[in-house]
Amino acid sequence: MKHLTVSDGSSSPAERMCWSLVLVQFLAVLALGILSSPRAASFARCPCPSLNLCHRLPADHQYQVEVIMFDQGGTNWQHYDWSKITTVVVSDDFDTNIVCEAHQNKARVILQAKLSLDILSNQNQRKKWISRYASDVKQFFMDGINLDVTFMIDNESIFYNDLTRMVRDTVQTFHKEIPGSQVSFNAPWSPCKNNRCYDFVEIANACDLLIVASFDVQSFMMDECFAKANAPYVEVFTGLLNYIRLGIDSKKLIMGVPWFGYDYLCEQYFEDPGEKYHEVWYDDPESISLKSSILKKLKLRGISMSSGNYLNYSTDPLAAMQTEQMWNALCPF
């Protein structure tokens, strides 16, 4: 090993130049070491023009009323009214630039994750699933996760408690590893519809928010098959009230409204028509505004929309006016 000697101040210009080169090389190696660390490497991949936009929102950044937008990918987010959005839920094929825009507007970005039955009863599978999604959320500088469950479970199913345990484990992991993260759970328009009888009370207690999909009501009505409203006011109000009657805090409930409709084609006729008959049912600014008033009546935490991509963001003046009215209908008060 070579030993360095301390200069007495009488070194030659050539020696001083040599020491300068050594210092430069040392600083370069130090810088490379810093940049190669996991934390620095993650910031180096920040897709935003400013590193500040890759910082997650702190836990104390809360809104009195949550407005949660579900996004289905693409670039329509560029036309969203970000002055109204507090959280945006993105799917797997999201545009990474949406994170920058959301954080620029002090809104959270959370990743939607679909749960499946095959991982519920296996503890190792549950841990791997949670770890993978926590890693994805960290990698893309997101602020949490939205749990989407569509399979059927009743209170006598072997998966009943497994689902609750899965939700608890997810919340604990995310809150620990990603401070300030938001964990939400999607629920049907009313408890125990279509055999989706989960332990909603315990799930709501564990999660930050319970997002009630207050639409597709007719898909659960098996007694008749007629074209009807996608989200009737009475059913929406009653469904949310049923969650509150279970003992769930209304301040944890988000009312989900549809920004889409259905085109019903008549399949049976009393006599042979000259042309096919169909009915189109959809929500407009008036019906959305009417349902938005439920927030105050039931003291809910907020409202969500499915999805932001479904509005017409063309330059057509009429479409632009109608789109603006849909956004404004979210907050009539």
C-alpha atoms as a PDB file:
ATOM      1  CA  MET A   1       0.000   0.000   0.000  1.00  0.00           C
ATOM      2  CA  LYS A   2       1.261   3.447  -0.892  1.00  0.00           C
ATOM      3  CA  HIS A   3       1.505   6.101   1.816  1.00  0.00           C
ATOM      4  CA  LEU A   4       0.663   9.730   1.119  1.00  0.00           C
ATOM      5  CA  THR A   5       2.931  12.422   2.512  1.00  0.00           C
ATOM      6  CA  VAL A   6       1.742  15.826   3.639  1.00  0.00           C
ATOM      7  CA  SER A   7       3.078  18.776   1.645  1.00  0.00           C
ATOM      8  CA  ASP A   8       5.048  21.409   3.545  1.00  0.00           C
ATOM      9  CA  GLY A   9       3.918  24.154   1.173  1.00  0.00           C
ATOM     10  CA  SER A  10       7.138  24.117  -0.869  1.00  0.00           C
ATOM     11  CA  SER A  11       5.873  21.716  -3.579  1.00  0.00           C
ATOM     12  CA  SER A  12       6.562  22.471  -7.202  1.00  0.00           C
ATOM     13  CA  PRO A  13       3.864  23.566  -9.712  1.00  0.00           C
ATOM     14  CA  ALA A  14       3.993  20.086 -11.260  1.00  0.00           C
ATOM     15  CA  GLU A  15       3.314  18.462  -7.876  1.00  0.00           C
ATOM     16  CA  ARG A  16       0.427  20.822  -7.158  1.00  0.00           C
ATOM     17  CA  MET A  17      -1.102  20.011 -10.543  1.00  0.00           C
ATOM     18  CA  CYS A  18      -0.767  16.309  -9.764  1.00  0.00           C
ATOM     19  CA  TRP A  19      -2.604  16.771  -6.454  1.00  0.00           C
ATOM     20  CA  SER A  20      -5.343  18.728  -8.221  1.00  0.00           C
ATOM     21  CA  LEU A  21      -5.893  15.852 -10.631  1.00  0.00           C
ATOM     22  CA  VAL A  22      -6.078  13.406  -7.727  1.00  0.00           C
ATOM     23  CA  LEU A  23      -8.674  15.598  -6.013  1.00  0.00           C
ATOM     24  CA  VAL A  24     -10.777  15.828  -9.163  1.00  0.00           C
ATOM     25  CA  GLN A  25     -10.660  12.051  -9.611  1.00  0.00           C
ATOM     26  CA  PHE A  26     -11.657  11.549  -5.969  1.00  0.00           C
ATOM     27  CA  LEU A  27     -14.639  13.872  -6.290  1.00  0.00           C
ATOM     28  CA  ALA A  28     -15.701  12.145  -9.502  1.00  0.00           C
ATOM     29  CA  VAL A  29     -15.615   8.724  -7.825  1.00  0.00           C
ATOM     30  CA  LEU A  30     -17.559  10.126  -4.857  1.00  0.00           C
ATOM     31  CA  ALA A  31     -20.218  11.568  -7.160  1.00  0.00           C
ATOM     32  CA  LEU A  32     -20.569   8.270  -9.010  1.00  0.00           C
ATOM     33  CA  GLY A  33     -21.013   6.483  -5.703  1.00  0.00           C
ATOM     34  CA  ILE A  34     -23.800   8.844  -4.678  1.00  0.00           C
ATOM     35  CA  LEU A  35     -25.596   8.598  -8.007  1.00  0.00           C
ATOM     36  CA  SER A  36     -25.415   4.827  -7.949  1.00  0.00           C
ATOM     37  CA  SER A  37     -27.364   4.616  -4.705  1.00  0.00           C
ATOM     38  CA  PRO A  38     -30.986   3.363  -5.036  1.00  0.00           C
ATOM     39  CA  ARG A  39     -32.444   6.667  -3.826  1.00  0.00           C
ATOM     40  CA  ALA A  40     -30.451   8.760  -6.297  1.00  0.00           C
ATOM     41  CA  ALA A  41     -31.084   6.309  -9.108  1.00  0.00           C
ATOM     42  CA  SER A  42     -34.831   6.542  -8.563  1.00  0.00           C
ATOM     43  CA  PHE A  43     -34.713  10.332  -8.688  1.00  0.00           C
ATOM     44  CA  ALA A  44     -32.617  10.118 -11.847  1.00  0.00           C
ATOM     45  CA  ARG A  45     -35.567   8.368 -13.514  1.00  0.00           C
ATOM     46  CA  CYS A  46     -38.047  11.067 -12.534  1.00  0.00           C
ATOM     47  CA  PRO A  47     -40.090  11.813 -15.675  1.00  0.00           C
ATOM     48  CA  CYS A  48     -40.997  15.330 -14.548  1.00  0.00           C
ATOM     49  CA  PRO A  49     -39.234  18.581 -15.465  1.00  0.00           C
ATOM     50  CA  SER A  50     -38.658  19.205 -11.751  1.00  0.00           C
ATOM     51  CA  LEU A  51     -37.663  16.645  -9.098  1.00  0.00           C
ATOM     52  CA  ASN A  52     -40.152  18.301  -6.728  1.00  0.00           C
ATOM     53  CA  LEU A  53     -42.978  16.926  -8.865  1.00  0.00           C
ATOM     54  CA  CYS A  54     -41.798  13.398  -8.072  1.00  0.00           C
ATOM     55  CA  HIS A  55     -42.231  14.004  -4.350  1.00  0.00           C
ATOM     56  CA  ARG A  56     -45.345  12.369  -2.932  1.00  0.00           C
ATOM     57  CA  LEU A  57     -47.920  14.483  -1.182  1.00  0.00           C
ATOM     58  CA  PRO A  58     -47.458  14.486   2.614  1.00  0.00           C
ATOM     59  CA  ALA A  59     -49.903  12.765   4.933  1.00  0.00           C
ATOM     60  CA  ASP A  60     -51.194  16.064   6.313  1.00  0.00           C
ATOM     61  CA  HIS A  61     -52.207  17.233   2.823  1.00  0.00           C
ATOM     62  CA  GLN A  62     -55.945  16.595   3.039  1.00  0.00           C
ATOM     63  CA  TYR A  63     -59.022  17.996   1.318  1.00  0.00           C
ATOM     64  CA  GLN A  64     -62.329  18.582   3.035  1.00  0.00           C
ATOM     65  CA  VAL A  65     -64.065  17.083  -0.014  1.00  0.00           C
ATOM     66  CA  GLU A  66     -62.341  14.443  -2.133  1.00  0.00           C
ATOM     67  CA  VAL A  67     -62.892  14.446  -5.898  1.00  0.00           C
ATOM     68  CA  ILE A  68     -61.423  11.236  -7.299  1.00  0.00           C
ATOM     69  CA  MET A  69     -61.024  10.756 -11.035  1.00  0.00           C
ATOM     70  CA  PHE A  70     -60.594   7.305 -12.578  1.00  0.00           C
ATOM     71  CA  ASP A  71     -58.356   7.453 -15.652  1.00  0.00           C
ATOM     72  CA  GLN A  72     -58.203   4.726 -18.324  1.00  0.00           C
ATOM     73  CA  GLY A  73     -54.916   5.705 -19.938  1.00  0.00           C
ATOM     74  CA  GLY A  74     -54.074   7.860 -22.933  1.00  0.00           C
ATOM     75  CA  THR A  75     -53.554  11.612 -22.939  1.00  0.00           C
ATOM     76  CA  ASN A  76     -57.026  12.944 -22.143  1.00  0.00           C
ATOM     77  CA  TRP A  77     -55.689  13.913 -18.711  1.00  0.00           C
ATOM     78  CA  GLN A  78     -54.251  16.993 -20.419  1.00  0.00           C
ATOM     79  CA  HIS A  79     -57.819  18.309 -20.711  1.00  0.00           C
ATOM     80  CA  TYR A  80     -59.015  17.511 -17.184  1.00  0.00           C
ATOM     81  CA  ASP A  81     -60.156  20.294 -14.885  1.00  0.00           C
ATOM     82  CA  TRP A  82     -57.364  19.819 -12.353  1.00  0.00           C
ATOM     83  CA  SER A  83     -58.733  22.585 -10.150  1.00  0.00           C
ATOM     84  CA  LYS A  84     -61.398  20.081  -9.036  1.00  0.00           C
ATOM     85  CA  ILE A  85     -59.381  16.838  -8.784  1.00  0.00           C
ATOM     86  CA  THR A  86     -57.831  15.736  -5.479  1.00  0.00           C
ATOM     87  CA  THR A  87     -56.864  12.192  -6.523  1.00  0.00           C
ATOM     88  CA  VAL A  88     -56.550  10.391  -9.842  1.00  0.00           C
ATOM     89  CA  VAL A  89     -56.717   6.582 -10.056  1.00  0.00           C
ATOM     90  CA  VAL A  90     -54.705   5.181 -12.956  1.00  0.00           C
ATOM     91  CA  SER A  91     -54.645   1.743 -14.608  1.00  0.00           C
ATOM     92  CA  ASP A  92     -51.561  -0.252 -15.612  1.00  0.00           C
ATOM     93  CA  ASP A  93     -51.184   1.480 -18.990  1.00  0.00           C
ATOM     94  CA  PHE A  94     -51.088   5.015 -17.589  1.00  0.00           C
ATOM     95  CA  ASP A  95     -49.138   7.906 -19.087  1.00  0.00           C
ATOM     96  CA  THR A  96     -46.252   8.615 -16.683  1.00  0.00           C
ATOM     97  CA  ASN A  97     -46.622  12.340 -17.304  1.00  0.00           C
ATOM     98  CA  ILE A  98     -49.936  12.293 -15.454  1.00  0.00           C
ATOM     99  CA  VAL A  99     -47.937  11.986 -12.211  1.00  0.00           C
ATOM    100  CA  CYS A 100     -46.178  15.269 -12.934  1.00  0.00           C
ATOM    101  CA  GLU A 101     -49.416  17.070 -13.779  1.00  0.00           C
ATOM    102  CA  ALA A 102     -51.218  15.735 -10.724  1.00  0.00           C
ATOM    103  CA  HIS A 103     -48.440  16.679  -8.296  1.00  0.00           C
ATOM    104  CA  GLN A 104     -48.187  20.087  -9.974  1.00  0.00           C
ATOM    105  CA  ASN A 105     -51.842  20.567  -9.017  1.00  0.00           C
ATOM    106  CA  LYS A 106     -51.441  19.102  -5.492  1.00  0.00           C
ATOM    107  CA  ALA A 107     -53.388  15.969  -6.399  1.00  0.00           C
ATOM    108  CA  ARG A 108     -52.487  12.388  -5.535  1.00  0.00           C
ATOM    109  CA  VAL A 109     -51.956   9.595  -8.054  1.00  0.00           C
ATOM    110  CA  ILE A 110     -52.875   6.089  -6.950  1.00  0.00           C
ATOM    111  CA  LEU A 111     -52.534   2.845  -8.879  1.00  0.00           C
ATOM    112  CA  GLN A 112     -55.533   0.576  -9.339  1.00  0.00           C
ATOM    113  CA  ALA A 113     -54.818  -3.063  -8.520  1.00  0.00           C
ATOM    114  CA  LYS A 114     -57.218  -5.927  -9.199  1.00  0.00           C
ATOM    115  CA  LEU A 115     -57.379  -8.647  -6.560  1.00  0.00           C
ATOM    116  CA  SER A 116     -58.005 -12.276  -7.494  1.00  0.00           C
ATOM    117  CA  LEU A 117     -59.220 -15.208  -5.419  1.00  0.00           C
ATOM    118  CA  ASP A 118     -56.131 -17.347  -6.009  1.00  0.00           C
ATOM    119  CA  ILE A 119     -53.905 -15.174  -3.802  1.00  0.00           C
ATOM    120  CA  LEU A 120     -56.258 -14.642  -0.858  1.00  0.00           C
ATOM    121  CA  SER A 121     -55.795 -17.926   0.975  1.00  0.00           C
ATOM    122  CA  ASN A 122     -52.024 -18.159   0.448  1.00  0.00           C
ATOM    123  CA  GLN A 123     -50.036 -16.011   2.867  1.00  0.00           C
ATOM    124  CA  ASN A 124     -46.860 -16.083   0.758  1.00  0.00           C
ATOM    125  CA  GLN A 125     -48.802 -15.084  -2.338  1.00  0.00           C
ATOM    126  CA  ARG A 126     -50.424 -12.221  -0.435  1.00  0.00           C
ATOM    127  CA  LYS A 127     -47.049 -10.917   0.699  1.00  0.00           C
ATOM    128  CA  LYS A 128     -45.589 -11.142  -2.801  1.00  0.00           C
ATOM    129  CA  TRP A 129     -48.605  -9.359  -4.298  1.00  0.00           C
ATOM    130  CA  ILE A 130     -48.450  -6.525  -1.787  1.00  0.00           C
ATOM    131  CA  SER A 131     -44.672  -6.202  -2.119  1.00  0.00           C
ATOM    132  CA  ARG A 132     -44.880  -6.044  -5.905  1.00  0.00           C
ATOM    133  CA  TYR A 133     -47.489  -3.298  -5.944  1.00  0.00           C
ATOM    134  CA  ALA A 134     -45.716  -1.330  -3.220  1.00  0.00           C
ATOM    135  CA  SER A 135     -42.579  -1.482  -5.351  1.00  0.00           C
ATOM    136  CA  ASP A 136     -44.463  -0.286  -8.445  1.00  0.00           C
ATOM    137  CA  VAL A 137     -46.006   2.630  -6.571  1.00  0.00           C
ATOM    138  CA  LYS A 138     -42.580   3.675  -5.268  1.00  0.00           C
ATOM    139  CA  GLN A 139     -40.932   3.305  -8.664  1.00  0.00           C
ATOM    140  CA  PHE A 140     -43.404   5.622 -10.373  1.00  0.00           C
ATOM    141  CA  PHE A 141     -43.574   8.171  -7.531  1.00  0.00           C
ATOM    142  CA  MET A 142     -47.255   7.477  -6.851  1.00  0.00           C
ATOM    143  CA  ASP A 143     -49.226   8.172  -3.688  1.00  0.00           C
ATOM    144  CA  GLY A 144     -51.098   4.949  -2.976  1.00  0.00           C
ATOM    145  CA  ILE A 145     -53.210   2.086  -4.255  1.00  0.00           C
ATOM    146  CA  ASN A 146     -56.856   1.413  -5.118  1.00  0.00           C
ATOM    147  CA  LEU A 147     -58.065  -2.136  -4.489  1.00  0.00           C
ATOM    148  CA  ASP A 148     -60.553  -3.373  -7.077  1.00  0.00           C
ATOM    149  CA  VAL A 149     -62.495  -6.550  -6.261  1.00  0.00           C
ATOM    150  CA  THR A 150     -65.256  -7.964  -8.460  1.00  0.00           C
ATOM    151  CA  PHE A 151     -65.468 -11.631  -7.449  1.00  0.00           C
ATOM    152  CA  MET A 152     -68.342 -13.060  -5.427  1.00  0.00           C
ATOM    153  CA  ILE A 153     -67.938 -13.787  -1.713  1.00  0.00           C
ATOM    154  CA  ASP A 154     -70.561 -14.241   0.968  1.00  0.00           C
ATOM    155  CA  ASN A 155     -70.172 -14.268   4.736  1.00  0.00           C
ATOM    156  CA  GLU A 156     -70.011 -18.077   4.780  1.00  0.00           C
ATOM    157  CA  SER A 157     -67.202 -18.288   2.232  1.00  0.00           C
ATOM    158  CA  ILE A 158     -63.723 -19.463   3.235  1.00  0.00           C
ATOM    159  CA  PHE A 159     -62.427 -16.303   1.534  1.00  0.00           C
ATOM    160  CA  TYR A 160     -64.530 -13.924   3.646  1.00  0.00           C
ATOM    161  CA  ASN A 161     -61.895 -13.338   6.344  1.00  0.00           C
ATOM    162  CA  ASP A 162     -59.014 -13.781   3.883  1.00  0.00           C
ATOM    163  CA  LEU A 163     -60.140 -10.720   1.924  1.00  0.00           C
ATOM    164  CA  THR A 164     -60.340  -8.601   5.077  1.00  0.00           C
ATOM    165  CA  ARG A 165     -56.895  -9.811   6.128  1.00  0.00           C
ATOM    166  CA  MET A 166     -55.515  -9.011   2.678  1.00  0.00           C
ATOM    167  CA  VAL A 167     -56.842  -5.460   2.860  1.00  0.00           C
ATOM    168  CA  ARG A 168     -55.421  -4.938   6.357  1.00  0.00           C
ATOM    169  CA  ASP A 169     -51.990  -6.234   5.314  1.00  0.00           C
ATOM    170  CA  THR A 170     -51.986  -3.978   2.245  1.00  0.00           C
ATOM    171  CA  VAL A 171     -52.871  -0.899   4.284  1.00  0.00           C
ATOM    172  CA  GLN A 172     -50.250  -1.643   6.950  1.00  0.00           C
ATOM    173  CA  THR A 173     -47.509  -2.206   4.371  1.00  0.00           C
ATOM    174  CA  PHE A 174     -48.309   0.890   2.331  1.00  0.00           C
ATOM    175  CA  HIS A 175     -48.667   3.198   5.326  1.00  0.00           C
ATOM    176  CA  LYS A 176     -45.360   1.920   6.705  1.00  0.00           C
ATOM    177  CA  GLU A 177     -43.278   1.880   3.531  1.00  0.00           C
ATOM    178  CA  ILE A 178     -44.890   4.895   1.831  1.00  0.00           C
ATOM    179  CA  PRO A 179     -45.769   7.486   4.491  1.00  0.00           C
ATOM    180  CA  GLY A 180     -48.806   9.533   3.563  1.00  0.00           C
ATOM    181  CA  SER A 181     -50.017   6.980   1.021  1.00  0.00           C
ATOM    182  CA  GLN A 182     -53.730   6.557   0.367  1.00  0.00           C
ATOM    183  CA  VAL A 183     -55.375   3.116   0.219  1.00  0.00           C
ATOM    184  CA  SER A 184     -58.946   2.882  -1.091  1.00  0.00           C
ATOM    185  CA  PHE A 185     -61.293  -0.038  -1.730  1.00  0.00           C
ATOM    186  CA  ASN A 186     -63.997  -0.259  -4.405  1.00  0.00           C
ATOM    187  CA  ALA A 187     -67.420  -1.434  -3.227  1.00  0.00           C
ATOM    188  CA  PRO A 188     -70.711  -2.168  -5.071  1.00  0.00           C
ATOM    189  CA  TRP A 189     -73.534   0.384  -5.051  1.00  0.00           C
ATOM    190  CA  SER A 190     -75.075  -1.278  -1.987  1.00  0.00           C
ATOM    191  CA  PRO A 191     -73.767  -3.940   0.440  1.00  0.00           C
ATOM    192  CA  CYS A 192     -74.181  -7.588  -0.524  1.00  0.00           C
ATOM    193  CA  LYS A 193     -75.289  -7.014  -4.101  1.00  0.00           C
ATOM    194  CA  ASN A 194     -74.649  -9.861  -6.542  1.00  0.00           C
ATOM    195  CA  ASN A 195     -73.201 -12.001  -3.698  1.00  0.00           C
ATOM    196  CA  ARG A 196     -70.471  -9.467  -2.978  1.00  0.00           C
ATOM    197  CA  CYS A 197     -70.962  -9.730   0.771  1.00  0.00           C
ATOM    198  CA  TYR A 198     -67.577  -8.655   2.051  1.00  0.00           C
ATOM    199  CA  ASP A 199     -66.824  -7.547   5.603  1.00  0.00           C
ATOM    200  CA  PHE A 200     -67.353  -3.923   4.608  1.00  0.00           C
ATOM    201  CA  VAL A 201     -67.193  -2.560   8.164  1.00  0.00           C
ATOM    202  CA  GLU A 202     -63.737  -3.985   8.873  1.00  0.00           C
ATOM    203  CA  ILE A 203     -62.515  -3.162   5.369  1.00  0.00           C
ATOM    204  CA  ALA A 204     -63.680   0.439   5.733  1.00  0.00           C
ATOM    205  CA  ASN A 205     -62.021   0.672   9.155  1.00  0.00           C
ATOM    206  CA  ALA A 206     -58.733  -0.504   7.668  1.00  0.00           C
ATOM    207  CA  CYS A 207     -58.784   1.617   4.479  1.00  0.00           C
ATOM    208  CA  ASP A 208     -58.503   5.346   4.085  1.00  0.00           C
ATOM    209  CA  LEU A 209     -61.526   5.485   1.764  1.00  0.00           C
ATOM    210  CA  LEU A 210     -64.342   3.212   0.596  1.00  0.00           C
ATOM    211  CA  ILE A 211     -65.303   4.125  -2.980  1.00  0.00           C
ATOM    212  CA  VAL A 212     -68.892   3.058  -3.627  1.00  0.00           C
ATOM    213  CA  ALA A 213     -69.596   2.469  -7.324  1.00  0.00           C
ATOM    214  CA  SER A 214     -73.057   4.032  -7.332  1.00  0.00           C
ATOM    215  CA  PHE A 215     -73.879   2.859 -10.846  1.00  0.00           C
ATOM    216  CA  ASP A 216     -74.552  -0.272 -12.918  1.00  0.00           C
ATOM    217  CA  VAL A 217     -77.549  -0.722 -10.648  1.00  0.00           C
ATOM    218  CA  GLN A 218     -79.574  -2.554 -13.301  1.00  0.00           C
ATOM    219  CA  SER A 219     -76.904  -5.230 -13.765  1.00  0.00           C
ATOM    220  CA  PHE A 220     -77.832  -6.516 -10.309  1.00  0.00           C
ATOM    221  CA  MET A 221     -81.577  -6.485 -10.912  1.00  0.00           C
ATOM    222  CA  MET A 222     -82.425  -9.984 -12.094  1.00  0.00           C
ATOM    223  CA  ASP A 223     -86.206  -9.705 -11.798  1.00  0.00           C
ATOM    224  CA  GLU A 224     -86.762  -7.685 -14.963  1.00  0.00           C
ATOM    225  CA  CYS A 225     -84.908  -6.749 -18.107  1.00  0.00           C
ATOM    226  CA  PHE A 226     -85.843  -3.266 -19.239  1.00  0.00           C
ATOM    227  CA  ALA A 227     -83.834  -0.253 -20.309  1.00  0.00           C
ATOM    228  CA  LYS A 228     -83.466   1.955 -17.239  1.00  0.00           C
ATOM    229  CA  ALA A 229     -81.211   4.539 -15.655  1.00  0.00           C
ATOM    230  CA  ASN A 230     -77.661   3.464 -14.928  1.00  0.00           C
ATOM    231  CA  ALA A 231     -77.582   5.256 -11.581  1.00  0.00           C
ATOM    232  CA  PRO A 232     -81.114   6.096 -10.349  1.00  0.00           C
ATOM    233  CA  TYR A 233     -81.138   8.715  -7.590  1.00  0.00           C
ATOM    234  CA  VAL A 234     -83.225   6.659  -5.131  1.00  0.00           C
ATOM    235  CA  GLU A 235     -81.026   3.575  -5.460  1.00  0.00           C
ATOM    236  CA  VAL A 236     -77.832   5.645  -5.205  1.00  0.00           C
ATOM    237  CA  PHE A 237     -79.044   7.374  -2.044  1.00  0.00           C
ATOM    238  CA  THR A 238     -80.359   4.147  -0.493  1.00  0.00           C
ATOM    239  CA  GLY A 239     -77.203   2.202  -1.313  1.00  0.00           C
ATOM    240  CA  LEU A 240     -74.961   4.734   0.404  1.00  0.00           C
ATOM    241  CA  LEU A 241     -77.333   4.946   3.351  1.00  0.00           C
ATOM    242  CA  ASN A 242     -77.123   1.156   3.727  1.00  0.00           C
ATOM    243  CA  TYR A 243     -73.354   1.400   4.201  1.00  0.00           C
ATOM    244  CA  ILE A 244     -73.813   4.039   6.885  1.00  0.00           C
ATOM    245  CA  ARG A 245     -76.409   1.859   8.619  1.00  0.00           C
ATOM    246  CA  LEU A 246     -73.784  -0.893   8.856  1.00  0.00           C
ATOM    247  CA  GLY A 247     -71.838   1.435  11.131  1.00  0.00           C
ATOM    248  CA  ILE A 248     -69.363   2.799   8.579  1.00  0.00           C
ATOM    249  CA  ASP A 249     -68.281   6.397   9.116  1.00  0.00           C
ATOM    250  CA  SER A 250     -69.807   8.497   6.326  1.00  0.00           C
ATOM    251  CA  LYS A 251     -66.559  10.498   6.150  1.00  0.00           C
ATOM    252  CA  LYS A 252     -64.888   7.406   4.721  1.00  0.00           C
ATOM    253  CA  LEU A 253     -67.411   7.006   1.903  1.00  0.00           C
ATOM    254  CA  ILE A 254     -66.909   8.222  -1.663  1.00  0.00           C
ATOM    255  CA  MET A 255     -69.897   8.256  -4.011  1.00  0.00           C
ATOM    256  CA  GLY A 256     -68.919   7.048  -7.484  1.00  0.00           C
ATOM    257  CA  VAL A 257     -70.917   8.484 -10.396  1.00  0.00           C
ATOM    258  CA  PRO A 258     -70.833   7.307 -14.038  1.00  0.00           C
ATOM    259  CA  TRP A 259     -69.617   9.405 -16.919  1.00  0.00           C
ATOM    260  CA  PHE A 260     -70.881   6.755 -19.307  1.00  0.00           C
ATOM    261  CA  GLY A 261     -74.195   5.288 -20.412  1.00  0.00           C
ATOM    262  CA  TYR A 262     -75.734   2.270 -22.126  1.00  0.00           C
ATOM    263  CA  ASP A 263     -77.367   1.766 -25.508  1.00  0.00           C
ATOM    264  CA  TYR A 264     -80.178  -0.772 -25.081  1.00  0.00           C
ATOM    265  CA  LEU A 265     -81.300  -2.554 -28.246  1.00  0.00           C
ATOM    266  CA  CYS A 266     -84.836  -3.931 -28.088  1.00  0.00           C
ATOM    267  CA  GLU A 267     -84.796  -7.707 -28.590  1.00  0.00           C
ATOM    268  CA  GLN A 268     -88.513  -8.564 -28.421  1.00  0.00           C
ATOM    269  CA  TYR A 269     -91.375  -6.886 -30.274  1.00  0.00           C
ATOM    270  CA  PHE A 270     -95.153  -7.365 -30.174  1.00  0.00           C
ATOM    271  CA  GLU A 271     -95.182  -6.897 -33.927  1.00  0.00           C
ATOM    272  CA  ASP A 272     -92.481  -6.791 -36.597  1.00  0.00           C
ATOM    273  CA  PRO A 273     -91.130  -3.190 -36.728  1.00  0.00           C
ATOM    274  CA  GLY A 274     -90.026  -1.437 -39.785  1.00  0.00           C
ATOM    275  CA  GLU A 275     -86.677  -0.595 -38.015  1.00  0.00           C
ATOM    276  CA  LYS A 276     -84.783  -1.656 -34.899  1.00  0.00           C
ATOM    277  CA  TYR A 277     -85.645   0.260 -31.753  1.00  0.00           C
ATOM    278  CA  HIS A 278     -83.145   1.174 -29.044  1.00  0.00           C
ATOM    279  CA  GLU A 279     -82.908   3.381 -25.972  1.00  0.00           C
ATOM    280  CA  VAL A 280     -79.855   5.263 -24.716  1.00  0.00           C
ATOM    281  CA  TRP A 281     -79.605   5.970 -20.993  1.00  0.00           C
ATOM    282  CA  TYR A 282     -76.833   8.197 -19.653  1.00  0.00           C
ATOM    283  CA  ASP A 283     -76.105  10.828 -17.014  1.00  0.00           C
ATOM    284  CA  ASP A 284     -75.967  14.503 -17.925  1.00  0.00           C
ATOM    285  CA  PRO A 285     -74.953  17.597 -15.901  1.00  0.00           C
ATOM    286  CA  GLU A 286     -78.429  17.857 -14.377  1.00  0.00           C
ATOM    287  CA  SER A 287     -78.529  14.260 -13.105  1.00  0.00           C
ATOM    288  CA  ILE A 288     -74.889  14.395 -11.902  1.00  0.00           C
ATOM    289  CA  SER A 289     -75.589  17.642 -10.046  1.00  0.00           C
ATOM    290  CA  LEU A 290     -78.659  16.119  -8.415  1.00  0.00           C
ATOM    291  CA  LYS A 291     -76.652  13.159  -7.161  1.00  0.00           C
ATOM    292  CA  SER A 292     -73.813  15.415  -6.047  1.00  0.00           C
ATOM    293  CA  SER A 293     -76.202  16.959  -3.542  1.00  0.00           C
ATOM    294  CA  ILE A 294     -76.168  13.613  -1.706  1.00  0.00           C
ATOM    295  CA  LEU A 295     -72.677  14.489  -0.444  1.00  0.00           C
ATOM    296  CA  LYS A 296     -74.099  17.136   1.855  1.00  0.00           C
ATOM    297  CA  LYS A 297     -77.199  15.190   2.830  1.00  0.00           C
ATOM    298  CA  LEU A 298     -75.234  12.140   3.992  1.00  0.00           C
ATOM    299  CA  LYS A 299     -72.029  14.029   4.954  1.00  0.00           C
ATOM    300  CA  LEU A 300     -69.895  11.932   2.630  1.00  0.00           C
ATOM    301  CA  ARG A 301     -66.152  12.388   2.162  1.00  0.00           C
ATOM    302  CA  GLY A 302     -66.381  13.005  -1.554  1.00  0.00           C
ATOM    303  CA  ILE A 303     -67.261  11.958  -5.081  1.00  0.00           C
ATOM    304  CA  SER A 304     -65.544   9.964  -7.826  1.00  0.00           C
ATOM    305  CA  MET A 305     -66.039   9.733 -11.591  1.00  0.00           C
ATOM    306  CA  SER A 306     -65.683   6.783 -13.952  1.00  0.00           C
ATOM    307  CA  SER A 307     -64.043   7.864 -16.018  1.00  0.00           C
ATOM    308  CA  GLY A 308     -62.406  11.085 -17.103  1.00  0.00           C
ATOM    309  CA  ASN A 309     -61.687   9.658 -20.544  1.00  0.00           C
ATOM    310  CA  TYR A 310     -65.346   9.370 -21.474  1.00  0.00           C
ATOM    311  CA  LEU A 311     -66.054  13.077 -21.972  1.00  0.00           C
ATOM    312  CA  ASN A 312     -65.707  14.789 -25.340  1.00  0.00           C
ATOM    313  CA  TYR A 313     -62.582  16.950 -25.269  1.00  0.00           C
ATOM    314  CA  SER A 314     -62.750  18.032 -28.899  1.00  0.00           C
ATOM    315  CA  THR A 315     -62.647  21.670 -29.960  1.00  0.00           C
ATOM    316  CA  ASP A 316     -66.309  21.617 -30.959  1.00  0.00           C
ATOM    317  CA  PRO A 317     -67.930  24.545 -29.084  1.00  0.00           C
ATOM    318  CA  LEU A 318     -71.033  22.587 -28.056  1.00  0.00           C
ATOM    319  CA  ALA A 319     -68.954  19.629 -26.818  1.00  0.00           C
ATOM    320  CA  ALA A 320     -66.646  21.969 -24.906  1.00  0.00           C
ATOM    321  CA  MET A 321     -69.609  23.613 -23.174  1.00  0.00           C
ATOM    322  CA  GLN A 322     -71.196  20.277 -22.241  1.00  0.00           C
ATOM    323  CA  THR A 323     -67.880  18.928 -20.950  1.00  0.00           C
ATOM    324  CA  GLU A 324     -67.396  21.980 -18.772  1.00  0.00           C
ATOM    325  CA  GLN A 325     -70.904  21.531 -17.399  1.00  0.00           C
ATOM    326  CA  MET A 326     -70.125  17.914 -16.452  1.00  0.00           C
ATOM    327  CA  TRP A 327     -67.080  19.045 -14.473  1.00  0.00           C
ATOM    328  CA  ASN A 328     -69.011  21.832 -12.777  1.00  0.00           C
ATOM    329  CA  ALA A 329     -71.811  19.432 -11.805  1.00  0.00           C
ATOM    330  CA  LEU A 330     -69.421  17.633  -9.460  1.00  0.00           C
ATOM    331  CA  CYS A 331     -69.402  20.527  -7.011  1.00  0.00           C
ATOM    332  CA  PRO A 332     -72.772  22.273  -7.249  1.00  0.00           C
ATOM    333  CA  PHE A 333     -72.409  23.735  -3.763  1.00  0.00           C
END
